[in-house]
Amino acid sequence: MRITLSHGTIFTFPLGKVMEMAREAGFDGVELVINQDFQKVNCKKLIQELAGILPVNSLHAPFMPLDDWGNPVDSLKRSVELAADCGVSLVNFHPPSWMGVEFGFWHWMYRITDFQKEVGQGNVIVTLENMPWVGKRIRLNPHILSSTEKFIDFIQERNLYMTFDTTHMGSGKANFINDFYLCYNSGRIRNIHFSDYGHGLEHLLPGRGILPLTRFLNHLRNTGYNDTLTLELSPAEFPRDERIIVESLKEIIMYLRKETGPPSS
């Protein structure tokens, strides 16, 4: 199992520094979030330079409008093309938001019959991410496919893979293990975004929320999960000090490897 770092975890640092910190902490690679750093630059050259520091294992397609990246459909297609050009094997994207009136994106998704062939072009694994529930008194999910069962049916019918996000699933069901098994048994999980959730806050450090994360990691070990686990935390979880951040990340990696590795004799 590869353990990677979402660059969104420490996106307040320059991209090169993010890669260096991830390398020093001991990650196997990085998931790059396509954000403002990828506007009006040679993106292929930038990713190749970053990959010279630490492997780029995946790209996260834009989830906000960016200059020169077009609408959500255009930005997803461009992310896949960029990944293929740079030898990056996986691109993840968010489903359309019905609350955000992304109806064109929604209709486009339902017109695709085979995402790996029509979008991934047979070169890049395309994954869809489950999204969080929000609100205090009234809880709702502002994205389509909020039901686990409907999500699974959609990705199976259209040859689409999944990025399973623990904090997003936990925002709707704190004990999300059964839903994880439904997703796992579909054979469609290729990436996991790992973080805690609690008190209405997402992407917390493990142990700061209410999710059964150690039990979840043990399930990964017991099921023989052999794809990617991506640590995706909020930058607010860390102080600004670079040294403290790297040491904290080292501790988290030790925890992840301990709980997913073979039992000690």
Protein backbone atom coordinates (compact mmCIF):
# COMPACT_ATOMS: atom_id res chain seq x y z
CA MET A 1 0.00 0.00 0.00
CA ARG A 2 1.33 3.41 -0.99
CA ILE A 3 1.00 6.20 1.58
CA THR A 4 0.88 9.61 -0.05
CA LEU A 5 0.24 13.19 1.03
CA SER A 6 -2.38 15.46 -0.46
CA HIS A 7 -0.60 18.70 -1.17
CA GLY A 8 -3.73 20.47 0.09
CA THR A 9 -2.62 19.45 3.59
CA ILE A 10 0.14 22.07 3.51
CA PHE A 11 -0.83 24.09 0.43
CA THR A 12 0.11 27.31 2.24
CA PHE A 13 3.74 26.48 1.39
CA PRO A 14 5.18 26.78 -2.14
CA LEU A 15 4.76 23.63 -4.22
CA GLY A 16 8.46 22.78 -4.21
CA LYS A 17 8.58 23.09 -0.44
CA VAL A 18 5.50 20.86 -0.13
CA MET A 19 7.30 18.12 -2.08
CA GLU A 20 10.47 18.49 0.00
CA MET A 21 8.54 18.32 3.27
CA ALA A 22 6.61 15.25 2.09
CA ARG A 23 9.87 13.56 1.08
CA GLU A 24 11.50 14.34 4.41
CA ALA A 25 8.48 13.05 6.33
CA GLY A 26 8.72 9.72 4.47
CA PHE A 27 5.71 9.68 2.14
CA ASP A 28 5.78 7.48 -0.96
CA GLY A 29 4.44 10.30 -3.11
CA VAL A 30 2.08 13.24 -3.36
CA GLU A 31 -1.40 13.94 -4.69
CA LEU A 32 -1.35 17.35 -6.36
CA VAL A 33 -4.50 19.44 -6.09
CA ILE A 34 -4.94 21.52 -9.25
CA ASN A 35 -5.39 24.99 -7.75
CA GLN A 36 -4.25 28.56 -8.38
CA ASP A 37 -0.63 27.40 -8.64
CA PHE A 38 -1.56 25.82 -11.98
CA GLN A 39 -2.94 28.96 -13.59
CA LYS A 40 -1.06 30.55 -16.50
CA VAL A 41 1.99 28.28 -16.18
CA ASN A 42 3.41 25.37 -18.16
CA CYS A 43 1.67 22.70 -16.09
CA LYS A 44 3.50 19.76 -17.67
CA LYS A 45 6.89 21.29 -16.95
CA LEU A 46 5.83 22.18 -13.40
CA ILE A 47 4.67 18.64 -12.59
CA GLN A 48 7.78 17.10 -14.10
CA GLU A 49 9.95 19.37 -11.93
CA LEU A 50 7.97 18.46 -8.82
CA ALA A 51 8.17 14.75 -9.66
CA GLY A 52 11.94 15.10 -9.61
CA ILE A 53 11.65 15.71 -5.86
CA LEU A 54 9.05 13.04 -5.03
CA PRO A 55 6.71 10.95 -7.22
CA VAL A 56 3.37 12.49 -8.15
CA ASN A 57 0.95 9.59 -7.69
CA SER A 58 -2.31 11.37 -8.49
CA LEU A 59 -3.94 14.63 -9.50
CA HIS A 60 -7.06 16.13 -7.97
CA ALA A 61 -9.05 17.90 -10.69
CA PRO A 62 -10.04 21.51 -9.88
CA PHE A 63 -13.05 21.92 -7.61
CA MET A 64 -13.21 25.67 -8.07
CA PRO A 65 -13.04 27.87 -11.21
CA LEU A 66 -9.49 28.52 -12.43
CA ASP A 67 -8.27 30.82 -15.18
CA ASP A 68 -7.81 28.99 -18.49
CA TRP A 69 -9.21 25.69 -17.14
CA GLY A 70 -12.80 26.10 -18.34
CA ASN A 71 -15.89 24.51 -16.82
CA PRO A 72 -15.85 21.37 -14.62
CA VAL A 73 -16.00 19.04 -17.64
CA ASP A 74 -13.18 20.86 -19.40
CA SER A 75 -11.02 20.96 -16.27
CA LEU A 76 -11.49 17.22 -15.66
CA LYS A 77 -10.56 16.36 -19.24
CA ARG A 78 -7.54 18.66 -19.09
CA SER A 79 -6.45 17.09 -15.78
CA VAL A 80 -6.58 13.63 -17.38
CA GLU A 81 -4.59 14.80 -20.41
CA LEU A 82 -2.02 16.39 -18.11
CA ALA A 83 -1.75 13.22 -16.03
CA ALA A 84 -1.23 11.11 -19.14
CA ASP A 85 1.47 13.48 -20.43
CA CYS A 86 3.29 13.39 -17.07
CA GLY A 87 2.95 9.68 -16.33
CA VAL A 88 0.56 10.22 -13.41
CA SER A 89 -1.69 7.19 -13.05
CA LEU A 90 -4.82 8.57 -11.36
CA VAL A 91 -7.10 11.61 -11.49
CA ASN A 92 -9.77 12.21 -8.86
CA PHE A 93 -12.75 14.54 -9.18
CA HIS A 94 -15.78 15.74 -7.21
CA PRO A 95 -19.34 15.02 -8.38
CA PRO A 96 -21.57 17.92 -9.43
CA SER A 97 -23.26 20.03 -6.80
CA TRP A 98 -27.03 20.30 -7.24
CA MET A 99 -26.97 23.18 -4.76
CA GLY A 100 -24.33 24.88 -6.91
CA VAL A 101 -26.58 24.43 -9.97
CA GLU A 102 -23.95 22.40 -11.85
CA PHE A 103 -26.61 20.86 -14.08
CA GLY A 104 -24.52 20.83 -17.25
CA PHE A 105 -21.80 18.84 -15.46
CA TRP A 106 -24.47 16.54 -13.99
CA HIS A 107 -26.02 15.78 -17.39
CA TRP A 108 -22.59 15.20 -18.94
CA MET A 109 -21.72 12.61 -16.29
CA TYR A 110 -24.87 10.64 -17.03
CA ARG A 111 -24.09 10.62 -20.75
CA ILE A 112 -20.78 8.82 -20.17
CA THR A 113 -21.08 5.04 -20.45
CA ASP A 114 -17.44 4.10 -19.76
CA PHE A 115 -15.34 6.64 -17.85
CA GLN A 116 -12.09 4.73 -18.19
CA LYS A 117 -12.43 4.53 -21.96
CA GLU A 118 -14.16 7.84 -22.76
CA VAL A 119 -12.46 10.08 -20.15
CA GLY A 120 -9.38 8.18 -18.98
CA GLN A 121 -8.62 7.13 -22.57
CA GLY A 122 -7.34 3.82 -21.22
CA ASN A 123 -4.25 5.56 -19.83
CA VAL A 124 -5.37 7.18 -16.56
CA ILE A 125 -7.50 5.79 -13.73
CA VAL A 126 -10.45 8.14 -13.15
CA THR A 127 -11.98 8.18 -9.66
CA LEU A 128 -15.04 9.88 -8.20
CA GLU A 129 -14.95 11.06 -4.58
CA ASN A 130 -17.79 10.71 -2.08
CA MET A 131 -18.77 14.11 -0.67
CA PRO A 132 -19.60 15.44 2.84
CA TRP A 133 -22.82 16.20 4.64
CA VAL A 134 -23.11 19.76 5.92
CA GLY A 135 -25.35 21.85 8.15
CA LYS A 136 -26.05 21.99 11.87
CA ARG A 137 -29.75 21.57 12.55
CA ILE A 138 -30.58 20.24 9.08
CA ARG A 139 -27.98 17.92 7.58
CA LEU A 140 -27.79 17.58 3.81
CA ASN A 141 -25.37 16.65 1.09
CA PRO A 142 -25.24 19.32 -1.63
CA HIS A 143 -23.80 16.92 -4.24
CA ILE A 144 -25.40 14.24 -6.37
CA LEU A 145 -24.95 10.53 -5.53
CA SER A 146 -24.98 11.17 -1.76
CA SER A 147 -26.45 7.72 -1.12
CA THR A 148 -23.72 5.08 -0.84
CA GLU A 149 -25.82 2.54 -2.70
CA LYS A 150 -26.60 4.93 -5.58
CA PHE A 151 -22.95 6.00 -5.71
CA ILE A 152 -21.83 2.38 -6.06
CA ASP A 153 -24.46 1.60 -8.69
CA PHE A 154 -23.35 4.62 -10.74
CA ILE A 155 -19.63 3.83 -10.72
CA GLN A 156 -20.21 0.14 -11.47
CA GLU A 157 -22.56 0.86 -14.37
CA ARG A 158 -20.17 3.40 -15.92
CA ASN A 159 -16.77 1.81 -15.25
CA LEU A 160 -15.75 4.57 -12.85
CA TYR A 161 -13.47 4.05 -9.86
CA MET A 162 -13.69 5.62 -6.41
CA THR A 163 -11.70 7.74 -3.99
CA PHE A 164 -13.15 6.90 -0.56
CA ASP A 165 -12.94 9.92 1.76
CA THR A 166 -13.19 9.01 5.45
CA THR A 167 -14.04 12.47 6.75
CA HIS A 168 -16.71 12.97 4.07
CA MET A 169 -18.34 9.61 4.80
CA GLY A 170 -17.97 10.19 8.55
CA SER A 171 -19.73 13.55 8.31
CA GLY A 172 -22.92 11.62 7.49
CA LYS A 173 -22.26 8.39 9.38
CA ALA A 174 -19.73 8.50 12.21
CA ASN A 175 -19.55 4.70 12.19
CA PHE A 176 -18.89 4.43 8.48
CA ILE A 177 -17.28 0.96 8.43
CA ASN A 178 -20.31 -0.76 6.90
CA ASP A 179 -20.45 1.81 4.10
CA PHE A 180 -16.73 1.33 3.53
CA TYR A 181 -17.29 -2.41 3.11
CA LEU A 182 -20.05 -1.77 0.58
CA CYS A 183 -17.61 0.38 -1.40
CA TYR A 184 -14.69 -2.01 -0.91
CA ASN A 185 -16.71 -5.03 -2.02
CA SER A 186 -17.60 -3.22 -5.23
CA GLY A 187 -13.95 -3.61 -6.21
CA ARG A 188 -13.87 0.04 -7.22
CA ILE A 189 -11.74 1.79 -4.57
CA ARG A 190 -8.38 2.94 -5.94
CA ASN A 191 -7.57 5.76 -3.51
CA ILE A 192 -8.49 6.69 0.06
CA HIS A 193 -8.47 10.20 1.51
CA PHE A 194 -7.68 9.75 5.18
CA SER A 195 -8.52 12.18 8.00
CA ASP A 196 -10.75 12.53 11.06
CA TYR A 197 -14.09 14.28 11.48
CA GLY A 198 -15.87 15.70 14.51
CA HIS A 199 -17.83 18.64 15.91
CA GLY A 200 -18.71 19.78 12.39
CA LEU A 201 -15.04 20.03 11.36
CA GLU A 202 -13.54 18.11 8.44
CA HIS A 203 -10.02 16.84 7.70
CA LEU A 204 -8.82 16.75 11.29
CA LEU A 205 -5.69 15.04 12.57
CA PRO A 206 -6.34 11.37 13.45
CA GLY A 207 -7.64 11.24 17.02
CA ARG A 208 -9.00 14.78 17.06
CA GLY A 209 -12.43 13.72 15.85
CA ILE A 210 -14.89 10.92 16.48
CA LEU A 211 -14.23 8.45 13.65
CA PRO A 212 -13.05 4.86 14.27
CA LEU A 213 -9.89 5.40 12.24
CA THR A 214 -7.66 2.80 13.89
CA ARG A 215 -10.33 0.17 13.36
CA PHE A 216 -10.65 1.37 9.77
CA LEU A 217 -6.90 0.99 9.18
CA ASN A 218 -7.00 -2.48 10.68
CA HIS A 219 -9.77 -3.33 8.21
CA LEU A 220 -7.52 -2.18 5.37
CA ARG A 221 -4.82 -4.53 6.63
CA ASN A 222 -7.24 -7.43 7.03
CA THR A 223 -8.78 -6.98 3.59
CA GLY A 224 -5.39 -6.71 1.92
CA TYR A 225 -6.03 -3.26 0.45
CA ASN A 226 -3.11 -2.67 -1.88
CA ASP A 227 -3.75 0.69 -3.54
CA THR A 228 -3.17 4.23 -2.26
CA LEU A 229 -3.90 5.84 1.11
CA THR A 230 -3.66 9.63 0.91
CA LEU A 231 -3.38 11.74 4.03
CA GLU A 232 -5.59 14.79 3.45
CA LEU A 233 -5.68 17.21 6.38
CA SER A 234 -6.66 20.83 6.83
CA PRO A 235 -3.64 23.19 7.01
CA ALA A 236 -5.34 24.66 10.10
CA GLU A 237 -4.38 21.47 11.94
CA PHE A 238 -0.73 22.54 11.96
CA PRO A 239 1.24 25.50 13.27
CA ARG A 240 3.15 27.53 10.71
CA ASP A 241 6.52 26.13 11.81
CA GLU A 242 7.92 23.87 9.07
CA ARG A 243 9.94 21.70 11.46
CA ILE A 244 6.94 20.95 13.69
CA ILE A 245 4.83 20.09 10.65
CA VAL A 246 7.39 17.60 9.30
CA GLU A 247 7.79 15.95 12.71
CA SER A 248 4.00 15.69 13.05
CA LEU A 249 3.75 14.11 9.61
CA LYS A 250 6.46 11.61 10.54
CA GLU A 251 4.44 10.57 13.60
CA ILE A 252 1.31 10.12 11.48
CA ILE A 253 3.18 7.96 8.95
CA MET A 254 4.48 5.75 11.77
CA TYR A 255 0.90 5.33 12.98
CA LEU A 256 -0.41 4.53 9.50
CA ARG A 257 2.30 1.97 8.78
CA LYS A 258 1.90 0.36 12.22
CA GLU A 259 -1.86 -0.05 11.91
CA THR A 260 -1.84 -1.26 8.30
CA GLY A 261 1.27 -3.40 8.45
CA PRO A 262 1.63 -7.04 9.55
CA PRO A 263 1.12 -7.69 13.28
CA SER A 264 4.35 -7.55 15.27
CA SER A 265 5.57 -10.90 16.54
